[in-house]
Amino acid sequence: METRYRSVFLRSAGLHSFFESNQPAANPINFAPHILPPKHVLKGRFDEFFLIKSSVEPMMKLLPEPKELELYDGPHAAPMEALVPALNRFLDRTLGPVRRQ
């Protein structure tokens, strides 16, 4: 919906049944197809909140290309050891590497 973003990084994201009670204007299911910039989803294989089959895969189907899903061996909250390298790689690819002065 917002055109100023050039890339979107989602951490521990997914769709959950509690979103069904949201009003349509606030339901993430209605917004996902409109996120147009490149998207990267970093997800824990053992996330106890957003399960891959029931929450993440449906969300990924709603998101338009370009999109990518990266799984790490861990729970819902990504440890810094997984988060920082994944975020840096994605931002370097989509925004360009940081220029050193």
PDB file of N, CA and C in Angstrom:
ATOM      1  N   MET A   1       0.820  -1.181   0.000  1.00  0.00           N
ATOM      2  CA  MET A   1       0.000   0.000   0.000  1.00  0.00           C
ATOM      3  C   MET A   1       0.872   1.255   0.000  1.00  0.00           C
ATOM      4  N   GLU A   2       1.972   1.229   0.741  1.00  0.00           N
ATOM      5  CA  GLU A   2       2.871   2.378   0.841  1.00  0.00           C
ATOM      6  C   GLU A   2       3.923   2.270  -0.257  1.00  0.00           C
ATOM      7  N   THR A   3       4.016   3.279  -1.091  1.00  0.00           N
ATOM      8  CA  THR A   3       4.905   3.206  -2.256  1.00  0.00           C
ATOM      9  C   THR A   3       6.330   3.642  -1.955  1.00  0.00           C
ATOM     10  N   ARG A   4       6.617   4.172  -0.778  1.00  0.00           N
ATOM     11  CA  ARG A   4       7.973   4.637  -0.472  1.00  0.00           C
ATOM     12  C   ARG A   4       8.922   3.503  -0.106  1.00  0.00           C
ATOM     13  N   TYR A   5       8.423   2.358   0.263  1.00  0.00           N
ATOM     14  CA  TYR A   5       9.290   1.238   0.651  1.00  0.00           C
ATOM     15  C   TYR A   5       9.875   0.573  -0.581  1.00  0.00           C
ATOM     16  N   ARG A   6      11.182   0.288  -0.542  1.00  0.00           N
ATOM     17  CA  ARG A   6      11.836  -0.388  -1.659  1.00  0.00           C
ATOM     18  C   ARG A   6      12.111  -1.856  -1.351  1.00  0.00           C
ATOM     19  N   SER A   7      11.981  -2.262  -0.105  1.00  0.00           N
ATOM     20  CA  SER A   7      12.110  -3.660   0.278  1.00  0.00           C
ATOM     21  C   SER A   7      11.418  -3.859   1.622  1.00  0.00           C
ATOM     22  N   VAL A   8      10.971  -5.101   1.858  1.00  0.00           N
ATOM     23  CA  VAL A   8      10.212  -5.415   3.074  1.00  0.00           C
ATOM     24  C   VAL A   8      10.788  -6.691   3.679  1.00  0.00           C
ATOM     25  N   PHE A   9      11.176  -6.623   4.952  1.00  0.00           N
ATOM     26  CA  PHE A   9      11.719  -7.766   5.672  1.00  0.00           C
ATOM     27  C   PHE A   9      10.723  -8.124   6.762  1.00  0.00           C
ATOM     28  N   LEU A  10      10.211  -9.350   6.730  1.00  0.00           N
ATOM     29  CA  LEU A  10       9.241  -9.818   7.723  1.00  0.00           C
ATOM     30  C   LEU A  10       9.912 -10.869   8.596  1.00  0.00           C
ATOM     31  N   ARG A  11       9.815 -10.666   9.890  1.00  0.00           N
ATOM     32  CA  ARG A  11      10.453 -11.577  10.844  1.00  0.00           C
ATOM     33  C   ARG A  11       9.364 -12.288  11.632  1.00  0.00           C
ATOM     34  N   SER A  12       9.398 -13.607  11.626  1.00  0.00           N
ATOM     35  CA  SER A  12       8.439 -14.419  12.380  1.00  0.00           C
ATOM     36  C   SER A  12       7.003 -14.078  12.011  1.00  0.00           C
ATOM     37  N   ALA A  13       6.739 -13.920  10.743  1.00  0.00           N
ATOM     38  CA  ALA A  13       5.407 -13.518  10.270  1.00  0.00           C
ATOM     39  C   ALA A  13       4.596 -14.731   9.843  1.00  0.00           C
ATOM     40  N   GLY A  14       3.291 -14.541   9.827  1.00  0.00           N
ATOM     41  CA  GLY A  14       2.380 -15.578   9.371  1.00  0.00           C
ATOM     42  C   GLY A  14       0.946 -15.125   9.587  1.00  0.00           C
ATOM     43  N   LEU A  15       0.026 -15.888   9.075  1.00  0.00           N
ATOM     44  CA  LEU A  15      -1.393 -15.615   9.279  1.00  0.00           C
ATOM     45  C   LEU A  15      -1.890 -16.508  10.404  1.00  0.00           C
ATOM     46  N   HIS A  16      -2.741 -15.974  11.229  1.00  0.00           N
ATOM     47  CA  HIS A  16      -3.260 -16.738  12.364  1.00  0.00           C
ATOM     48  C   HIS A  16      -4.779 -16.615  12.376  1.00  0.00           C
ATOM     49  N   SER A  17      -5.436 -17.571  12.965  1.00  0.00           N
ATOM     50  CA  SER A  17      -6.897 -17.572  12.980  1.00  0.00           C
ATOM     51  C   SER A  17      -7.481 -16.363  13.705  1.00  0.00           C
ATOM     52  N   PHE A  18      -6.711 -15.759  14.632  1.00  0.00           N
ATOM     53  CA  PHE A  18      -7.281 -14.598  15.327  1.00  0.00           C
ATOM     54  C   PHE A  18      -7.450 -13.406  14.392  1.00  0.00           C
ATOM     55  N   PHE A  19      -6.795 -13.395  13.222  1.00  0.00           N
ATOM     56  CA  PHE A  19      -6.993 -12.318  12.252  1.00  0.00           C
ATOM     57  C   PHE A  19      -8.403 -12.346  11.658  1.00  0.00           C
ATOM     58  N   GLU A  20      -9.055 -13.495  11.703  1.00  0.00           N
ATOM     59  CA  GLU A  20     -10.393 -13.625  11.131  1.00  0.00           C
ATOM     60  C   GLU A  20     -11.401 -12.710  11.829  1.00  0.00           C
ATOM     61  N   SER A  21     -11.144 -12.375  13.075  1.00  0.00           N
ATOM     62  CA  SER A  21     -12.066 -11.513  13.813  1.00  0.00           C
ATOM     63  C   SER A  21     -11.826 -10.023  13.534  1.00  0.00           C
ATOM     64  N   ASN A  22     -10.743  -9.689  12.857  1.00  0.00           N
ATOM     65  CA  ASN A  22     -10.460  -8.292  12.522  1.00  0.00           C
ATOM     66  C   ASN A  22     -11.469  -7.767  11.501  1.00  0.00           C
ATOM     67  N   GLN A  23     -11.699  -6.482  11.558  1.00  0.00           N
ATOM     68  CA  GLN A  23     -12.489  -5.831  10.524  1.00  0.00           C
ATOM     69  C   GLN A  23     -11.715  -5.926   9.205  1.00  0.00           C
ATOM     70  N   PRO A  24     -12.391  -5.987   8.061  1.00  0.00           N
ATOM     71  CA  PRO A  24     -11.686  -6.115   6.774  1.00  0.00           C
ATOM     72  C   PRO A  24     -10.606  -5.056   6.557  1.00  0.00           C
ATOM     73  N   ALA A  25     -10.829  -3.846   7.023  1.00  0.00           N
ATOM     74  CA  ALA A  25      -9.847  -2.772   6.822  1.00  0.00           C
ATOM     75  C   ALA A  25      -8.579  -2.970   7.647  1.00  0.00           C
ATOM     76  N   ALA A  26      -8.618  -3.846   8.645  1.00  0.00           N
ATOM     77  CA  ALA A  26      -7.452  -4.094   9.491  1.00  0.00           C
ATOM     78  C   ALA A  26      -6.944  -5.523   9.393  1.00  0.00           C
ATOM     79  N   ASN A  27      -7.501  -6.307   8.502  1.00  0.00           N
ATOM     80  CA  ASN A  27      -7.133  -7.719   8.388  1.00  0.00           C
ATOM     81  C   ASN A  27      -5.921  -7.875   7.463  1.00  0.00           C
ATOM     82  N   PRO A  28      -4.801  -8.430   7.987  1.00  0.00           N
ATOM     83  CA  PRO A  28      -3.596  -8.602   7.172  1.00  0.00           C
ATOM     84  C   PRO A  28      -3.831  -9.424   5.899  1.00  0.00           C
ATOM     85  N   ILE A  29      -4.815 -10.283   5.910  1.00  0.00           N
ATOM     86  CA  ILE A  29      -5.113 -11.098   4.728  1.00  0.00           C
ATOM     87  C   ILE A  29      -5.462 -10.199   3.543  1.00  0.00           C
ATOM     88  N   ASN A  30      -6.109  -9.087   3.805  1.00  0.00           N
ATOM     89  CA  ASN A  30      -6.490  -8.171   2.733  1.00  0.00           C
ATOM     90  C   ASN A  30      -5.345  -7.280   2.272  1.00  0.00           C
ATOM     91  N   PHE A  31      -4.302  -7.137   3.078  1.00  0.00           N
ATOM     92  CA  PHE A  31      -3.177  -6.282   2.720  1.00  0.00           C
ATOM     93  C   PHE A  31      -2.048  -7.040   2.038  1.00  0.00           C
ATOM     94  N   ALA A  32      -1.862  -8.292   2.367  1.00  0.00           N
ATOM     95  CA  ALA A  32      -0.723  -9.063   1.842  1.00  0.00           C
ATOM     96  C   ALA A  32      -0.594  -8.998   0.324  1.00  0.00           C
ATOM     97  N   PRO A  33      -1.659  -9.130  -0.455  1.00  0.00           N
ATOM     98  CA  PRO A  33      -1.504  -9.094  -1.917  1.00  0.00           C
ATOM     99  C   PRO A  33      -1.061  -7.737  -2.461  1.00  0.00           C
ATOM    100  N   HIS A  34      -1.092  -6.696  -1.630  1.00  0.00           N
ATOM    101  CA  HIS A  34      -0.744  -5.354  -2.089  1.00  0.00           C
ATOM    102  C   HIS A  34       0.671  -4.935  -1.707  1.00  0.00           C
ATOM    103  N   ILE A  35       1.426  -5.828  -1.075  1.00  0.00           N
ATOM    104  CA  ILE A  35       2.807  -5.511  -0.707  1.00  0.00           C
ATOM    105  C   ILE A  35       3.672  -5.811  -1.926  1.00  0.00           C
ATOM    106  N   LEU A  36       4.037  -4.785  -2.663  1.00  0.00           N
ATOM    107  CA  LEU A  36       4.672  -4.958  -3.964  1.00  0.00           C
ATOM    108  C   LEU A  36       6.199  -5.021  -3.951  1.00  0.00           C
ATOM    109  N   PRO A  37       6.917  -4.330  -3.068  1.00  0.00           N
ATOM    110  CA  PRO A  37       8.383  -4.404  -3.122  1.00  0.00           C
ATOM    111  C   PRO A  37       8.877  -5.825  -2.840  1.00  0.00           C
ATOM    112  N   PRO A  38      10.153  -6.096  -3.117  1.00  0.00           N
ATOM    113  CA  PRO A  38      10.719  -7.408  -2.771  1.00  0.00           C
ATOM    114  C   PRO A  38      10.523  -7.695  -1.283  1.00  0.00           C
ATOM    115  N   LYS A  39      10.165  -8.941  -0.981  1.00  0.00           N
ATOM    116  CA  LYS A  39       9.877  -9.351   0.386  1.00  0.00           C
ATOM    117  C   LYS A  39      10.759 -10.527   0.785  1.00  0.00           C
ATOM    118  N   HIS A  40      11.218 -10.500   2.033  1.00  0.00           N
ATOM    119  CA  HIS A  40      11.989 -11.605   2.592  1.00  0.00           C
ATOM    120  C   HIS A  40      11.357 -11.945   3.931  1.00  0.00           C
ATOM    121  N   VAL A  41      11.008 -13.210   4.121  1.00  0.00           N
ATOM    122  CA  VAL A  41      10.414 -13.667   5.379  1.00  0.00           C
ATOM    123  C   VAL A  41      11.427 -14.571   6.066  1.00  0.00           C
ATOM    124  N   LEU A  42      11.838 -14.198   7.271  1.00  0.00           N
ATOM    125  CA  LEU A  42      12.741 -15.007   8.080  1.00  0.00           C
ATOM    126  C   LEU A  42      11.891 -15.718   9.118  1.00  0.00           C
ATOM    127  N   LYS A  43      11.965 -17.028   9.141  1.00  0.00           N
ATOM    128  CA  LYS A  43      11.023 -17.839   9.927  1.00  0.00           C
ATOM    129  C   LYS A  43      11.729 -18.969  10.643  1.00  0.00           C
ATOM    130  N   GLY A  44      11.375 -19.192  11.895  1.00  0.00           N
ATOM    131  CA  GLY A  44      11.902 -20.317  12.663  1.00  0.00           C
ATOM    132  C   GLY A  44      11.164 -21.606  12.329  1.00  0.00           C
ATOM    133  N   ARG A  45      11.915 -22.656  12.083  1.00  0.00           N
ATOM    134  CA  ARG A  45      11.295 -23.965  11.779  1.00  0.00           C
ATOM    135  C   ARG A  45      10.434 -24.465  12.938  1.00  0.00           C
ATOM    136  N   PHE A  46      10.800 -24.083  14.154  1.00  0.00           N
ATOM    137  CA  PHE A  46      10.119 -24.599  15.340  1.00  0.00           C
ATOM    138  C   PHE A  46       9.271 -23.530  16.014  1.00  0.00           C
ATOM    139  N   ASP A  47       8.788 -22.575  15.235  1.00  0.00           N
ATOM    140  CA  ASP A  47       7.930 -21.505  15.750  1.00  0.00           C
ATOM    141  C   ASP A  47       6.646 -22.128  16.291  1.00  0.00           C
ATOM    142  N   GLU A  48       6.376 -21.884  17.552  1.00  0.00           N
ATOM    143  CA  GLU A  48       5.196 -22.461  18.201  1.00  0.00           C
ATOM    144  C   GLU A  48       3.947 -21.604  17.990  1.00  0.00           C
ATOM    145  N   PHE A  49       4.115 -20.400  17.424  1.00  0.00           N
ATOM    146  CA  PHE A  49       2.992 -19.484  17.247  1.00  0.00           C
ATOM    147  C   PHE A  49       2.474 -19.490  15.809  1.00  0.00           C
ATOM    148  N   PHE A  50       3.356 -19.279  14.831  1.00  0.00           N
ATOM    149  CA  PHE A  50       2.993 -19.307  13.414  1.00  0.00           C
ATOM    150  C   PHE A  50       3.574 -20.570  12.789  1.00  0.00           C
ATOM    151  N   LEU A  51       2.768 -21.608  12.685  1.00  0.00           N
ATOM    152  CA  LEU A  51       3.223 -22.872  12.118  1.00  0.00           C
ATOM    153  C   LEU A  51       3.417 -22.717  10.607  1.00  0.00           C
ATOM    154  N   ILE A  52       4.403 -23.386  10.075  1.00  0.00           N
ATOM    155  CA  ILE A  52       4.758 -23.211   8.661  1.00  0.00           C
ATOM    156  C   ILE A  52       3.611 -23.630   7.748  1.00  0.00           C
ATOM    157  N   LYS A  53       3.064 -24.804   7.952  1.00  0.00           N
ATOM    158  CA  LYS A  53       2.008 -25.305   7.052  1.00  0.00           C
ATOM    159  C   LYS A  53       0.712 -24.513   7.146  1.00  0.00           C
ATOM    160  N   SER A  54       0.297 -24.153   8.348  1.00  0.00           N
ATOM    161  CA  SER A  54      -1.017 -23.526   8.509  1.00  0.00           C
ATOM    162  C   SER A  54      -0.992 -22.001   8.534  1.00  0.00           C
ATOM    163  N   SER A  55       0.163 -21.378   8.775  1.00  0.00           N
ATOM    164  CA  SER A  55       0.225 -19.920   8.874  1.00  0.00           C
ATOM    165  C   SER A  55       1.133 -19.272   7.839  1.00  0.00           C
ATOM    166  N   VAL A  56       2.318 -19.850   7.654  1.00  0.00           N
ATOM    167  CA  VAL A  56       3.317 -19.217   6.789  1.00  0.00           C
ATOM    168  C   VAL A  56       3.042 -19.508   5.315  1.00  0.00           C
ATOM    169  N   GLU A  57       2.789 -20.759   4.969  1.00  0.00           N
ATOM    170  CA  GLU A  57       2.530 -21.088   3.561  1.00  0.00           C
ATOM    171  C   GLU A  57       1.313 -20.340   3.003  1.00  0.00           C
ATOM    172  N   PRO A  58       0.193 -20.223   3.753  1.00  0.00           N
ATOM    173  CA  PRO A  58      -0.919 -19.423   3.221  1.00  0.00           C
ATOM    174  C   PRO A  58      -0.543 -17.948   3.021  1.00  0.00           C
ATOM    175  N   MET A  59       0.244 -17.395   3.950  1.00  0.00           N
ATOM    176  CA  MET A  59       0.680 -16.008   3.792  1.00  0.00           C
ATOM    177  C   MET A  59       1.553 -15.851   2.555  1.00  0.00           C
ATOM    178  N   MET A  60       2.474 -16.795   2.349  1.00  0.00           N
ATOM    179  CA  MET A  60       3.376 -16.720   1.192  1.00  0.00           C
ATOM    180  C   MET A  60       2.584 -16.802  -0.111  1.00  0.00           C
ATOM    181  N   LYS A  61       1.492 -17.554  -0.124  1.00  0.00           N
ATOM    182  CA  LYS A  61       0.662 -17.633  -1.331  1.00  0.00           C
ATOM    183  C   LYS A  61      -0.012 -16.302  -1.635  1.00  0.00           C
ATOM    184  N   LEU A  62      -0.328 -15.532  -0.605  1.00  0.00           N
ATOM    185  CA  LEU A  62      -0.978 -14.238  -0.796  1.00  0.00           C
ATOM    186  C   LEU A  62      -0.006 -13.146  -1.246  1.00  0.00           C
ATOM    187  N   LEU A  63       1.252 -13.267  -0.831  1.00  0.00           N
ATOM    188  CA  LEU A  63       2.239 -12.243  -1.174  1.00  0.00           C
ATOM    189  C   LEU A  63       2.627 -12.351  -2.644  1.00  0.00           C
ATOM    190  N   PRO A  64       2.629 -11.232  -3.380  1.00  0.00           N
ATOM    191  CA  PRO A  64       3.049 -11.285  -4.780  1.00  0.00           C
ATOM    192  C   PRO A  64       4.567 -11.389  -4.903  1.00  0.00           C
ATOM    193  N   GLU A  65       5.035 -11.829  -6.048  1.00  0.00           N
ATOM    194  CA  GLU A  65       6.469 -11.866  -6.320  1.00  0.00           C
ATOM    195  C   GLU A  65       6.979 -10.441  -6.453  1.00  0.00           C
ATOM    196  N   PRO A  66       8.242 -10.187  -6.178  1.00  0.00           N
ATOM    197  CA  PRO A  66       9.271 -11.105  -5.687  1.00  0.00           C
ATOM    198  C   PRO A  66       9.155 -11.317  -4.178  1.00  0.00           C
ATOM    199  N   LYS A  67       9.399 -12.554  -3.779  1.00  0.00           N
ATOM    200  CA  LYS A  67       9.320 -12.924  -2.362  1.00  0.00           C
ATOM    201  C   LYS A  67      10.239 -14.097  -2.128  1.00  0.00           C
ATOM    202  N   GLU A  68      10.701 -14.233  -0.903  1.00  0.00           N
ATOM    203  CA  GLU A  68      11.546 -15.372  -0.534  1.00  0.00           C
ATOM    204  C   GLU A  68      11.311 -15.706   0.926  1.00  0.00           C
ATOM    205  N   LEU A  69      11.430 -16.977   1.225  1.00  0.00           N
ATOM    206  CA  LEU A  69      11.264 -17.489   2.582  1.00  0.00           C
ATOM    207  C   LEU A  69      12.572 -18.127   3.001  1.00  0.00           C
ATOM    208  N   GLU A  70      13.089 -17.709   4.144  1.00  0.00           N
ATOM    209  CA  GLU A  70      14.312 -18.301   4.704  1.00  0.00           C
ATOM    210  C   GLU A  70      13.977 -18.882   6.060  1.00  0.00           C
ATOM    211  N   LEU A  71      14.294 -20.152   6.249  1.00  0.00           N
ATOM    212  CA  LEU A  71      14.039 -20.835   7.520  1.00  0.00           C
ATOM    213  C   LEU A  71      15.341 -21.003   8.287  1.00  0.00           C
ATOM    214  N   TYR A  72      15.277 -20.821   9.582  1.00  0.00           N
ATOM    215  CA  TYR A  72      16.408 -21.101  10.457  1.00  0.00           C
ATOM    216  C   TYR A  72      15.960 -22.120  11.494  1.00  0.00           C
ATOM    217  N   ASP A  73      16.893 -22.838  12.059  1.00  0.00           N
ATOM    218  CA  ASP A  73      16.571 -23.842  13.072  1.00  0.00           C
ATOM    219  C   ASP A  73      16.417 -23.151  14.421  1.00  0.00           C
ATOM    220  N   GLY A  74      15.182 -22.772  14.730  1.00  0.00           N
ATOM    221  CA  GLY A  74      14.935 -22.095  15.994  1.00  0.00           C
ATOM    222  C   GLY A  74      13.461 -21.815  16.190  1.00  0.00           C
ATOM    223  N   PRO A  75      13.135 -21.109  17.293  1.00  0.00           N
ATOM    224  CA  PRO A  75      11.740 -20.818  17.641  1.00  0.00           C
ATOM    225  C   PRO A  75      11.227 -19.547  16.965  1.00  0.00           C
ATOM    226  N   HIS A  76      10.149 -18.992  17.508  1.00  0.00           N
ATOM    227  CA  HIS A  76       9.471 -17.820  16.955  1.00  0.00           C
ATOM    228  C   HIS A  76      10.398 -16.608  16.819  1.00  0.00           C
ATOM    229  N   ALA A  77      11.071 -16.242  17.883  1.00  0.00           N
ATOM    230  CA  ALA A  77      11.948 -15.058  17.867  1.00  0.00           C
ATOM    231  C   ALA A  77      13.326 -15.448  17.349  1.00  0.00           C
ATOM    232  N   ALA A  78      13.701 -14.839  16.239  1.00  0.00           N
ATOM    233  CA  ALA A  78      14.995 -15.147  15.628  1.00  0.00           C
ATOM    234  C   ALA A  78      16.133 -14.617  16.494  1.00  0.00           C
ATOM    235  N   PRO A  79      17.128 -15.453  16.777  1.00  0.00           N
ATOM    236  CA  PRO A  79      18.290 -14.939  17.502  1.00  0.00           C
ATOM    237  C   PRO A  79      19.085 -14.005  16.588  1.00  0.00           C
ATOM    238  N   MET A  80      19.828 -13.111  17.170  1.00  0.00           N
ATOM    239  CA  MET A  80      20.613 -12.148  16.392  1.00  0.00           C
ATOM    240  C   MET A  80      21.553 -12.841  15.400  1.00  0.00           C
ATOM    241  N   GLU A  81      22.037 -14.021  15.751  1.00  0.00           N
ATOM    242  CA  GLU A  81      22.951 -14.757  14.864  1.00  0.00           C
ATOM    243  C   GLU A  81      22.285 -15.147  13.552  1.00  0.00           C
ATOM    244  N   ALA A  82      20.963 -15.305  13.558  1.00  0.00           N
ATOM    245  CA  ALA A  82      20.212 -15.613  12.337  1.00  0.00           C
ATOM    246  C   ALA A  82      19.653 -14.346  11.705  1.00  0.00           C
ATOM    247  N   LEU A  83      19.180 -13.424  12.534  1.00  0.00           N
ATOM    248  CA  LEU A  83      18.508 -12.222  12.047  1.00  0.00           C
ATOM    249  C   LEU A  83      19.442 -11.272  11.307  1.00  0.00           C
ATOM    250  N   VAL A  84      20.544 -10.900  11.923  1.00  0.00           N
ATOM    251  CA  VAL A  84      21.411  -9.864  11.351  1.00  0.00           C
ATOM    252  C   VAL A  84      21.998 -10.274   9.998  1.00  0.00           C
ATOM    253  N   PRO A  85      22.580 -11.470   9.856  1.00  0.00           N
ATOM    254  CA  PRO A  85      23.108 -11.840   8.528  1.00  0.00           C
ATOM    255  C   PRO A  85      22.024 -11.920   7.457  1.00  0.00           C
ATOM    256  N   ALA A  86      20.849 -12.453   7.798  1.00  0.00           N
ATOM    257  CA  ALA A  86      19.760 -12.554   6.817  1.00  0.00           C
ATOM    258  C   ALA A  86      19.297 -11.170   6.387  1.00  0.00           C
ATOM    259  N   LEU A  87      19.122 -10.274   7.331  1.00  0.00           N
ATOM    260  CA  LEU A  87      18.693  -8.914   7.023  1.00  0.00           C
ATOM    261  C   LEU A  87      19.740  -8.183   6.187  1.00  0.00           C
ATOM    262  N   ASN A  88      21.002  -8.299   6.558  1.00  0.00           N
ATOM    263  CA  ASN A  88      22.064  -7.636   5.785  1.00  0.00           C
ATOM    264  C   ASN A  88      22.143  -8.149   4.353  1.00  0.00           C
ATOM    265  N   ARG A  89      22.057  -9.462   4.174  1.00  0.00           N
ATOM    266  CA  ARG A  89      22.096 -10.026   2.812  1.00  0.00           C
ATOM    267  C   ARG A  89      20.943  -9.501   1.968  1.00  0.00           C
ATOM    268  N   PHE A  90      19.749  -9.504   2.541  1.00  0.00           N
ATOM    269  CA  PHE A  90      18.570  -9.057   1.804  1.00  0.00           C
ATOM    270  C   PHE A  90      18.659  -7.571   1.458  1.00  0.00           C
ATOM    271  N   LEU A  91      19.018  -6.744   2.415  1.00  0.00           N
ATOM    272  CA  LEU A  91      19.108  -5.308   2.148  1.00  0.00           C
ATOM    273  C   LEU A  91      20.234  -4.987   1.169  1.00  0.00           C
ATOM    274  N   ASP A  92      21.352  -5.699   1.252  1.00  0.00           N
ATOM    275  CA  ASP A  92      22.425  -5.500   0.263  1.00  0.00           C
ATOM    276  C   ASP A  92      21.944  -5.840  -1.138  1.00  0.00           C
ATOM    277  N   ARG A  93      21.152  -6.893  -1.258  1.00  0.00           N
ATOM    278  CA  ARG A  93      20.628  -7.302  -2.566  1.00  0.00           C
ATOM    279  C   ARG A  93      19.593  -6.324  -3.101  1.00  0.00           C
ATOM    280  N   THR A  94      18.719  -5.840  -2.239  1.00  0.00           N
ATOM    281  CA  THR A  94      17.601  -5.022  -2.713  1.00  0.00           C
ATOM    282  C   THR A  94      17.907  -3.525  -2.724  1.00  0.00           C
ATOM    283  N   LEU A  95      18.751  -3.056  -1.824  1.00  0.00           N
ATOM    284  CA  LEU A  95      19.048  -1.631  -1.731  1.00  0.00           C
ATOM    285  C   LEU A  95      20.471  -1.290  -2.142  1.00  0.00           C
ATOM    286  N   GLY A  96      21.308  -2.317  -2.263  1.00  0.00           N
ATOM    287  CA  GLY A  96      22.717  -2.100  -2.569  1.00  0.00           C
ATOM    288  C   GLY A  96      23.545  -2.130  -1.296  1.00  0.00           C
ATOM    289  N   PRO A  97      24.813  -2.519  -1.429  1.00  0.00           N
ATOM    290  CA  PRO A  97      25.664  -2.584  -0.240  1.00  0.00           C
ATOM    291  C   PRO A  97      25.924  -1.195   0.338  1.00  0.00           C
ATOM    292  N   VAL A  98      26.256  -1.173   1.600  1.00  0.00           N
ATOM    293  CA  VAL A  98      26.578   0.084   2.280  1.00  0.00           C
ATOM    294  C   VAL A  98      27.897   0.603   1.711  1.00  0.00           C
ATOM    295  N   ARG A  99      27.898   1.877   1.349  1.00  0.00           N
ATOM    296  CA  ARG A  99      29.131   2.497   0.842  1.00  0.00           C
ATOM    297  C   ARG A  99      29.963   2.976   2.011  1.00  0.00           C
ATOM    298  N   ARG A 100      31.187   2.560   2.050  1.00  0.00           N
ATOM    299  CA  ARG A 100      32.100   2.978   3.126  1.00  0.00           C
ATOM    300  C   ARG A 100      32.827   4.242   2.671  1.00  0.00           C
ATOM    301  N   GLN A 101      33.005   5.154   3.599  1.00  0.00           N
ATOM    302  CA  GLN A 101      33.696   6.417   3.254  1.00  0.00           C
ATOM    303  C   GLN A 101      35.056   6.488   3.859  1.00  0.00           C
TER     304      GLN A 101
END
